[in-house]
């Protein structure tokens, strides 16, 4: 069982930056692939970024070059650095964990989810 708790969301102006954190419980954190998803009002939850057990990163095209995912296995934490934020990035952001060696992109491949943190980008 893994529990995930996100933090770091808030209100930021377009062009600004935010850093999201997701703290995980459990001693097997390093064995999970981790991901960030987001859900805007009236839209489906979508994949944003992922990082494998071996720290290979991958991103949705919409955030590539602006967002960076990283993990600290010693601290059981995964981060999402978001730069050059746009109003389209406004959403609730969720972190998720998948018990797999691969790099999953779909919701159904993830086993555990956090409660989400709101990110609002004002234009």
C-alpha atoms as a PDB file:
ATOM      1  CA  UNK A   1       0.000   0.000   0.000  1.00  0.00           C
ATOM      2  CA  UNK A   2       1.280   3.456  -0.940  1.00  0.00           C
ATOM      3  CA  UNK A   3      -0.192   6.748   0.243  1.00  0.00           C
ATOM      4  CA  UNK A   4       0.556   9.879  -1.762  1.00  0.00           C
ATOM      5  CA  UNK A   5       0.176  13.477  -0.604  1.00  0.00           C
ATOM      6  CA  UNK A   6       0.657  16.381  -3.013  1.00  0.00           C
ATOM      7  CA  UNK A   7       1.634  19.924  -2.067  1.00  0.00           C
ATOM      8  CA  UNK A   8       2.893  23.095  -3.689  1.00  0.00           C
ATOM      9  CA  UNK A   9      -0.101  24.167  -5.721  1.00  0.00           C
ATOM     10  CA  UNK A  10      -1.363  27.723  -5.777  1.00  0.00           C
ATOM     11  CA  UNK A  11      -2.078  30.807  -7.829  1.00  0.00           C
ATOM     12  CA  UNK A  12       0.587  32.100 -10.209  1.00  0.00           C
ATOM     13  CA  UNK A  13       0.704  34.557 -13.082  1.00  0.00           C
ATOM     14  CA  UNK A  14       1.236  33.395 -16.633  1.00  0.00           C
ATOM     15  CA  UNK A  15       4.932  32.951 -17.296  1.00  0.00           C
ATOM     16  CA  UNK A  16       5.642  32.093 -13.681  1.00  0.00           C
ATOM     17  CA  UNK A  17       6.805  28.895 -12.019  1.00  0.00           C
ATOM     18  CA  UNK A  18       5.625  26.447  -9.405  1.00  0.00           C
ATOM     19  CA  UNK A  19       7.130  23.311  -7.917  1.00  0.00           C
ATOM     20  CA  UNK A  20       4.811  20.516  -6.897  1.00  0.00           C
ATOM     21  CA  UNK A  21       5.843  17.838  -4.428  1.00  0.00           C
ATOM     22  CA  UNK A  22       4.347  14.448  -3.731  1.00  0.00           C
ATOM     23  CA  UNK A  23       5.380  12.635  -0.572  1.00  0.00           C
ATOM     24  CA  UNK A  24       4.861   8.876  -0.447  1.00  0.00           C
ATOM     25  CA  UNK A  25       4.591   6.457   2.419  1.00  0.00           C
ATOM     26  CA  UNK A  26       6.011   2.959   2.328  1.00  0.00           C
ATOM     27  CA  UNK A  27       9.417   1.380   2.096  1.00  0.00           C
ATOM     28  CA  UNK A  28       9.073   0.288  -1.531  1.00  0.00           C
ATOM     29  CA  UNK A  29       8.919   3.758  -3.087  1.00  0.00           C
ATOM     30  CA  UNK A  30      11.911   3.081  -5.324  1.00  0.00           C
ATOM     31  CA  UNK A  31      10.157   0.113  -6.938  1.00  0.00           C
ATOM     32  CA  UNK A  32       7.356   2.266  -8.399  1.00  0.00           C
ATOM     33  CA  UNK A  33       7.089   4.284 -11.558  1.00  0.00           C
ATOM     34  CA  UNK A  34       5.634   7.689 -10.719  1.00  0.00           C
ATOM     35  CA  UNK A  35       3.530  10.069 -12.696  1.00  0.00           C
ATOM     36  CA  UNK A  36       1.770  13.404 -12.652  1.00  0.00           C
ATOM     37  CA  UNK A  37      -1.661  13.883 -14.168  1.00  0.00           C
ATOM     38  CA  UNK A  38      -3.972  16.863 -14.284  1.00  0.00           C
ATOM     39  CA  UNK A  39      -7.672  17.488 -14.649  1.00  0.00           C
ATOM     40  CA  UNK A  40      -9.198  20.779 -15.711  1.00  0.00           C
ATOM     41  CA  UNK A  41     -12.892  21.548 -15.118  1.00  0.00           C
ATOM     42  CA  UNK A  42     -15.076  19.644 -17.550  1.00  0.00           C
ATOM     43  CA  UNK A  43     -12.151  17.701 -18.993  1.00  0.00           C
ATOM     44  CA  UNK A  44     -10.731  14.228 -18.652  1.00  0.00           C
ATOM     45  CA  UNK A  45      -7.743  13.583 -16.413  1.00  0.00           C
ATOM     46  CA  UNK A  46      -4.664  13.652 -18.622  1.00  0.00           C
ATOM     47  CA  UNK A  47      -1.096  12.475 -18.348  1.00  0.00           C
ATOM     48  CA  UNK A  48       1.506  15.196 -17.770  1.00  0.00           C
ATOM     49  CA  UNK A  49       4.839  13.574 -16.897  1.00  0.00           C
ATOM     50  CA  UNK A  50       6.294  10.291 -15.704  1.00  0.00           C
ATOM     51  CA  UNK A  51       9.503   8.875 -14.287  1.00  0.00           C
ATOM     52  CA  UNK A  52      10.472   5.217 -14.226  1.00  0.00           C
ATOM     53  CA  UNK A  53      12.196   3.278 -11.467  1.00  0.00           C
ATOM     54  CA  UNK A  54      15.442   3.962 -13.264  1.00  0.00           C
ATOM     55  CA  UNK A  55      14.716   7.719 -13.432  1.00  0.00           C
ATOM     56  CA  UNK A  56      13.933   7.807 -17.142  1.00  0.00           C
ATOM     57  CA  UNK A  57      11.575  10.729 -17.712  1.00  0.00           C
ATOM     58  CA  UNK A  58       8.861  11.250 -20.311  1.00  0.00           C
ATOM     59  CA  UNK A  59       6.334  14.000 -20.916  1.00  0.00           C
ATOM     60  CA  UNK A  60       3.146  14.971 -22.656  1.00  0.00           C
ATOM     61  CA  UNK A  61       3.842  17.111 -25.709  1.00  0.00           C
ATOM     62  CA  UNK A  62       1.951  20.017 -24.178  1.00  0.00           C
ATOM     63  CA  UNK A  63       4.464  20.408 -21.336  1.00  0.00           C
ATOM     64  CA  UNK A  64       7.694  19.201 -22.909  1.00  0.00           C
ATOM     65  CA  UNK A  65      10.451  21.743 -22.420  1.00  0.00           C
ATOM     66  CA  UNK A  66       8.536  23.568 -19.668  1.00  0.00           C
ATOM     67  CA  UNK A  67       7.977  20.922 -16.966  1.00  0.00           C
ATOM     68  CA  UNK A  68      10.536  18.675 -15.291  1.00  0.00           C
ATOM     69  CA  UNK A  69       9.761  15.599 -13.219  1.00  0.00           C
ATOM     70  CA  UNK A  70      12.268  14.211 -10.736  1.00  0.00           C
ATOM     71  CA  UNK A  71      12.351  11.804  -7.830  1.00  0.00           C
ATOM     72  CA  UNK A  72      14.265  11.542  -4.576  1.00  0.00           C
ATOM     73  CA  UNK A  73      14.136   7.940  -3.388  1.00  0.00           C
ATOM     74  CA  UNK A  74      15.847   8.794  -0.096  1.00  0.00           C
ATOM     75  CA  UNK A  75      13.038  11.251   0.687  1.00  0.00           C
ATOM     76  CA  UNK A  76      10.231   9.185  -0.893  1.00  0.00           C
ATOM     77  CA  UNK A  77       9.237  12.234  -2.903  1.00  0.00           C
ATOM     78  CA  UNK A  78       8.507  13.031  -6.529  1.00  0.00           C
ATOM     79  CA  UNK A  79       8.585  16.578  -7.844  1.00  0.00           C
ATOM     80  CA  UNK A  80       7.151  18.471 -10.783  1.00  0.00           C
ATOM     81  CA  UNK A  81       8.929  21.715 -11.637  1.00  0.00           C
ATOM     82  CA  UNK A  82       6.640  23.810 -13.819  1.00  0.00           C
ATOM     83  CA  UNK A  83       8.059  26.805 -15.683  1.00  0.00           C
ATOM     84  CA  UNK A  84       6.608  29.207 -18.249  1.00  0.00           C
ATOM     85  CA  UNK A  85       3.128  28.450 -16.998  1.00  0.00           C
ATOM     86  CA  UNK A  86       0.142  29.181 -19.207  1.00  0.00           C
ATOM     87  CA  UNK A  87      -3.544  29.606 -18.426  1.00  0.00           C
ATOM     88  CA  UNK A  88      -4.116  26.212 -20.101  1.00  0.00           C
ATOM     89  CA  UNK A  89      -2.077  24.624 -17.304  1.00  0.00           C
ATOM     90  CA  UNK A  90      -4.794  25.485 -14.791  1.00  0.00           C
ATOM     91  CA  UNK A  91      -6.033  22.214 -13.285  1.00  0.00           C
ATOM     92  CA  UNK A  92      -5.965  19.947 -10.280  1.00  0.00           C
ATOM     93  CA  UNK A  93      -2.675  18.061 -10.375  1.00  0.00           C
ATOM     94  CA  UNK A  94      -2.445  14.479  -9.135  1.00  0.00           C
ATOM     95  CA  UNK A  95       0.543  12.273  -8.507  1.00  0.00           C
ATOM     96  CA  UNK A  96       0.281   8.538  -9.002  1.00  0.00           C
ATOM     97  CA  UNK A  97       2.360   5.407  -8.494  1.00  0.00           C
ATOM     98  CA  UNK A  98       2.517   2.282 -10.649  1.00  0.00           C
ATOM     99  CA  UNK A  99       4.058  -1.042  -9.662  1.00  0.00           C
ATOM    100  CA  UNK A 100       5.786  -1.545 -12.988  1.00  0.00           C
ATOM    101  CA  UNK A 101       9.226  -1.399 -14.531  1.00  0.00           C
ATOM    102  CA  UNK A 102       7.854   0.470 -17.539  1.00  0.00           C
ATOM    103  CA  UNK A 103       6.809   4.075 -18.067  1.00  0.00           C
ATOM    104  CA  UNK A 104       3.013   4.139 -18.065  1.00  0.00           C
ATOM    105  CA  UNK A 105       0.986   6.994 -19.550  1.00  0.00           C
ATOM    106  CA  UNK A 106      -2.613   5.914 -19.023  1.00  0.00           C
ATOM    107  CA  UNK A 107      -4.674   6.260 -15.849  1.00  0.00           C
ATOM    108  CA  UNK A 108      -5.518   2.582 -15.707  1.00  0.00           C
ATOM    109  CA  UNK A 109      -1.876   1.604 -15.388  1.00  0.00           C
ATOM    110  CA  UNK A 110      -1.440   3.414 -12.088  1.00  0.00           C
ATOM    111  CA  UNK A 111      -2.241   1.722  -8.789  1.00  0.00           C
ATOM    112  CA  UNK A 112      -2.227   4.561  -6.269  1.00  0.00           C
ATOM    113  CA  UNK A 113      -3.313   8.181  -6.417  1.00  0.00           C
ATOM    114  CA  UNK A 114      -3.001  11.291  -4.301  1.00  0.00           C
ATOM    115  CA  UNK A 115      -5.852  13.674  -3.503  1.00  0.00           C
ATOM    116  CA  UNK A 116      -4.639  16.414  -5.847  1.00  0.00           C
ATOM    117  CA  UNK A 117      -3.453  19.995  -5.548  1.00  0.00           C
ATOM    118  CA  UNK A 118      -4.950  22.977  -7.360  1.00  0.00           C
ATOM    119  CA  UNK A 119      -2.820  24.999  -9.768  1.00  0.00           C
ATOM    120  CA  UNK A 120      -4.335  28.205 -11.113  1.00  0.00           C
ATOM    121  CA  UNK A 121      -2.534  30.301 -13.724  1.00  0.00           C
ATOM    122  CA  UNK A 122      -3.878  33.803 -14.230  1.00  0.00           C
ATOM    123  CA  UNK A 123      -3.428  35.542 -17.558  1.00  0.00           C
END
